[in-house]
Amino acid sequence: MAHPKSRISKMRKRKRRTHYKAETPNILTCKTTGEAHLRHHAYYHEGDLYYKGKVVIKGDEGEE
């Protein structure tokens, strides 16, 4: 049974095994508001916070 002559470090092994690549962020357009946003993230539109096309937090109107 073959054995390596010297131990390979964890970092060296993991560098060889990675398949990570820089990906472009997935940007969608909301059907309700028409706002472009990242997937699975809440976003603001006209003072209201939206998530999955629904208002999560209503913006304060007229408050100064």
N, C-alpha and C. Protein backbone atom coordinates (compact mmCIF):
# COMPACT_ATOMS: atom_id res chain seq x y z
N MET A 1 0.85 -1.18 0.00
CA MET A 1 0.00 0.00 0.00
C MET A 1 0.89 1.24 0.00
N ALA A 2 0.62 2.18 -0.90
CA ALA A 2 1.47 3.35 -1.05
C ALA A 2 1.15 4.39 0.02
N HIS A 3 2.20 5.05 0.52
CA HIS A 3 2.07 6.12 1.50
C HIS A 3 2.87 7.32 1.01
N PRO A 4 2.36 8.53 1.25
CA PRO A 4 3.15 9.69 0.85
C PRO A 4 4.42 9.82 1.69
N LYS A 5 5.48 10.31 1.08
CA LYS A 5 6.74 10.43 1.80
C LYS A 5 6.65 11.51 2.89
N SER A 6 5.91 12.61 2.59
CA SER A 6 5.71 13.65 3.60
C SER A 6 4.23 14.03 3.61
N ARG A 7 3.79 14.49 4.76
CA ARG A 7 2.38 14.85 4.94
C ARG A 7 2.03 16.11 4.15
N ILE A 8 0.86 16.12 3.51
CA ILE A 8 0.37 17.28 2.78
C ILE A 8 -0.50 18.09 3.74
N SER A 9 -0.24 19.38 3.84
CA SER A 9 -0.97 20.24 4.78
C SER A 9 -2.45 20.33 4.39
N LYS A 10 -3.27 20.67 5.38
CA LYS A 10 -4.71 20.80 5.14
C LYS A 10 -5.01 21.90 4.14
N MET A 11 -4.27 23.00 4.24
CA MET A 11 -4.50 24.12 3.33
C MET A 11 -4.20 23.72 1.89
N ARG A 12 -3.12 23.02 1.68
CA ARG A 12 -2.74 22.60 0.33
C ARG A 12 -3.76 21.64 -0.24
N LYS A 13 -4.23 20.73 0.59
CA LYS A 13 -5.24 19.76 0.16
C LYS A 13 -6.54 20.47 -0.20
N ARG A 14 -6.96 21.41 0.64
CA ARG A 14 -8.23 22.10 0.42
C ARG A 14 -8.18 23.04 -0.79
N LYS A 15 -7.01 23.65 -1.04
CA LYS A 15 -6.87 24.50 -2.23
C LYS A 15 -7.07 23.69 -3.50
N ARG A 16 -6.58 22.49 -3.49
CA ARG A 16 -6.68 21.63 -4.67
C ARG A 16 -8.12 21.18 -4.88
N ARG A 17 -8.85 21.01 -3.81
CA ARG A 17 -10.19 20.44 -3.91
C ARG A 17 -11.29 21.47 -4.13
N THR A 18 -11.00 22.76 -4.01
CA THR A 18 -12.05 23.76 -4.13
C THR A 18 -12.51 23.92 -5.57
N HIS A 19 -13.76 24.31 -5.69
CA HIS A 19 -14.33 24.61 -6.99
C HIS A 19 -15.06 25.93 -6.94
N TYR A 20 -14.65 26.80 -6.02
CA TYR A 20 -15.32 28.09 -5.88
C TYR A 20 -14.98 29.01 -7.04
N LYS A 21 -15.99 29.68 -7.52
CA LYS A 21 -15.80 30.64 -8.60
C LYS A 21 -16.62 31.88 -8.26
N ALA A 22 -16.18 33.02 -8.71
CA ALA A 22 -16.93 34.25 -8.49
C ALA A 22 -18.18 34.20 -9.37
N GLU A 23 -19.31 34.38 -8.73
CA GLU A 23 -20.58 34.33 -9.46
C GLU A 23 -21.20 35.73 -9.48
N THR A 24 -21.96 35.98 -10.51
CA THR A 24 -22.69 37.25 -10.55
C THR A 24 -23.90 37.14 -9.63
N PRO A 25 -24.25 38.20 -8.90
CA PRO A 25 -25.40 38.12 -8.00
C PRO A 25 -26.70 37.95 -8.79
N ASN A 26 -27.61 37.17 -8.22
CA ASN A 26 -28.89 36.94 -8.88
C ASN A 26 -29.82 38.11 -8.57
N ILE A 27 -30.08 38.94 -9.57
CA ILE A 27 -30.93 40.11 -9.40
C ILE A 27 -32.26 39.84 -10.10
N LEU A 28 -33.34 40.04 -9.37
CA LEU A 28 -34.67 39.84 -9.90
C LEU A 28 -35.42 41.16 -9.92
N THR A 29 -36.48 41.20 -10.69
CA THR A 29 -37.37 42.35 -10.71
C THR A 29 -38.68 41.93 -10.05
N CYS A 30 -39.09 42.68 -9.04
CA CYS A 30 -40.31 42.36 -8.30
C CYS A 30 -41.53 42.57 -9.20
N LYS A 31 -42.45 41.63 -9.17
CA LYS A 31 -43.66 41.75 -9.99
C LYS A 31 -44.60 42.81 -9.43
N THR A 32 -44.57 43.00 -8.11
CA THR A 32 -45.46 43.96 -7.46
C THR A 32 -45.00 45.39 -7.65
N THR A 33 -43.71 45.65 -7.34
CA THR A 33 -43.21 47.03 -7.36
C THR A 33 -42.39 47.37 -8.60
N GLY A 34 -41.86 46.38 -9.28
CA GLY A 34 -41.00 46.63 -10.43
C GLY A 34 -39.57 46.98 -10.04
N GLU A 35 -39.24 46.84 -8.75
CA GLU A 35 -37.91 47.18 -8.23
C GLU A 35 -36.96 46.01 -8.41
N ALA A 36 -35.72 46.30 -8.85
CA ALA A 36 -34.69 45.26 -8.96
C ALA A 36 -34.07 45.04 -7.59
N HIS A 37 -33.90 43.76 -7.20
CA HIS A 37 -33.35 43.44 -5.88
C HIS A 37 -32.67 42.08 -5.91
N LEU A 38 -31.87 41.82 -4.88
CA LEU A 38 -31.22 40.53 -4.74
C LEU A 38 -32.24 39.50 -4.27
N ARG A 39 -32.05 38.25 -4.71
CA ARG A 39 -32.95 37.19 -4.29
C ARG A 39 -32.82 36.93 -2.80
N HIS A 40 -33.93 36.60 -2.15
CA HIS A 40 -33.97 36.25 -0.72
C HIS A 40 -33.52 37.40 0.17
N HIS A 41 -33.68 38.63 -0.29
CA HIS A 41 -33.33 39.80 0.51
C HIS A 41 -34.52 40.77 0.51
N ALA A 42 -34.77 41.39 1.64
CA ALA A 42 -35.79 42.44 1.70
C ALA A 42 -35.22 43.71 1.06
N TYR A 43 -36.10 44.56 0.55
CA TYR A 43 -35.65 45.78 -0.14
C TYR A 43 -36.66 46.90 0.10
N TYR A 44 -36.16 48.13 0.06
CA TYR A 44 -36.99 49.31 0.25
C TYR A 44 -37.51 49.82 -1.08
N HIS A 45 -38.76 50.24 -1.08
CA HIS A 45 -39.36 50.86 -2.26
C HIS A 45 -40.34 51.91 -1.76
N GLU A 46 -40.05 53.19 -2.05
CA GLU A 46 -40.88 54.33 -1.64
C GLU A 46 -41.14 54.34 -0.14
N GLY A 47 -40.11 54.04 0.65
CA GLY A 47 -40.21 54.11 2.10
C GLY A 47 -40.72 52.86 2.79
N ASP A 48 -41.24 51.90 2.05
CA ASP A 48 -41.74 50.65 2.63
C ASP A 48 -40.73 49.53 2.41
N LEU A 49 -40.68 48.61 3.35
CA LEU A 49 -39.79 47.46 3.22
C LEU A 49 -40.58 46.28 2.69
N TYR A 50 -40.14 45.74 1.57
CA TYR A 50 -40.82 44.63 0.91
C TYR A 50 -39.99 43.35 1.01
N TYR A 51 -40.69 42.21 1.07
CA TYR A 51 -40.05 40.89 0.98
C TYR A 51 -41.04 39.95 0.34
N LYS A 52 -40.64 39.29 -0.71
CA LYS A 52 -41.50 38.38 -1.48
C LYS A 52 -42.75 39.08 -1.99
N GLY A 53 -42.60 40.36 -2.39
CA GLY A 53 -43.71 41.11 -2.98
C GLY A 53 -44.72 41.63 -1.99
N LYS A 54 -44.46 41.47 -0.68
CA LYS A 54 -45.41 41.93 0.33
C LYS A 54 -44.73 42.96 1.22
N VAL A 55 -45.52 43.92 1.74
CA VAL A 55 -44.99 44.94 2.64
C VAL A 55 -44.73 44.30 3.99
N VAL A 56 -43.49 44.38 4.44
CA VAL A 56 -43.12 43.84 5.75
C VAL A 56 -43.19 44.93 6.80
N ILE A 57 -42.60 46.09 6.49
CA ILE A 57 -42.63 47.24 7.39
C ILE A 57 -43.13 48.44 6.60
N LYS A 58 -44.21 49.03 7.09
CA LYS A 58 -44.78 50.21 6.43
C LYS A 58 -43.95 51.42 6.80
N GLY A 59 -43.61 52.25 5.82
CA GLY A 59 -42.82 53.45 6.06
C GLY A 59 -43.60 54.50 6.80
N ASP A 60 -42.89 55.29 7.61
CA ASP A 60 -43.53 56.38 8.35
C ASP A 60 -43.80 57.53 7.39
N GLU A 61 -45.06 57.91 7.29
CA GLU A 61 -45.44 58.98 6.36
C GLU A 61 -45.66 60.27 7.12
N GLY A 62 -45.05 61.34 6.65
CA GLY A 62 -45.25 62.66 7.21
C GLY A 62 -44.54 62.90 8.53
N GLU A 63 -43.69 62.03 8.95
CA GLU A 63 -42.99 62.21 10.22
C GLU A 63 -41.73 63.05 10.00
N GLU A 64 -41.58 64.11 10.78
CA GLU A 64 -40.40 64.97 10.63
C GLU A 64 -39.77 65.25 11.95
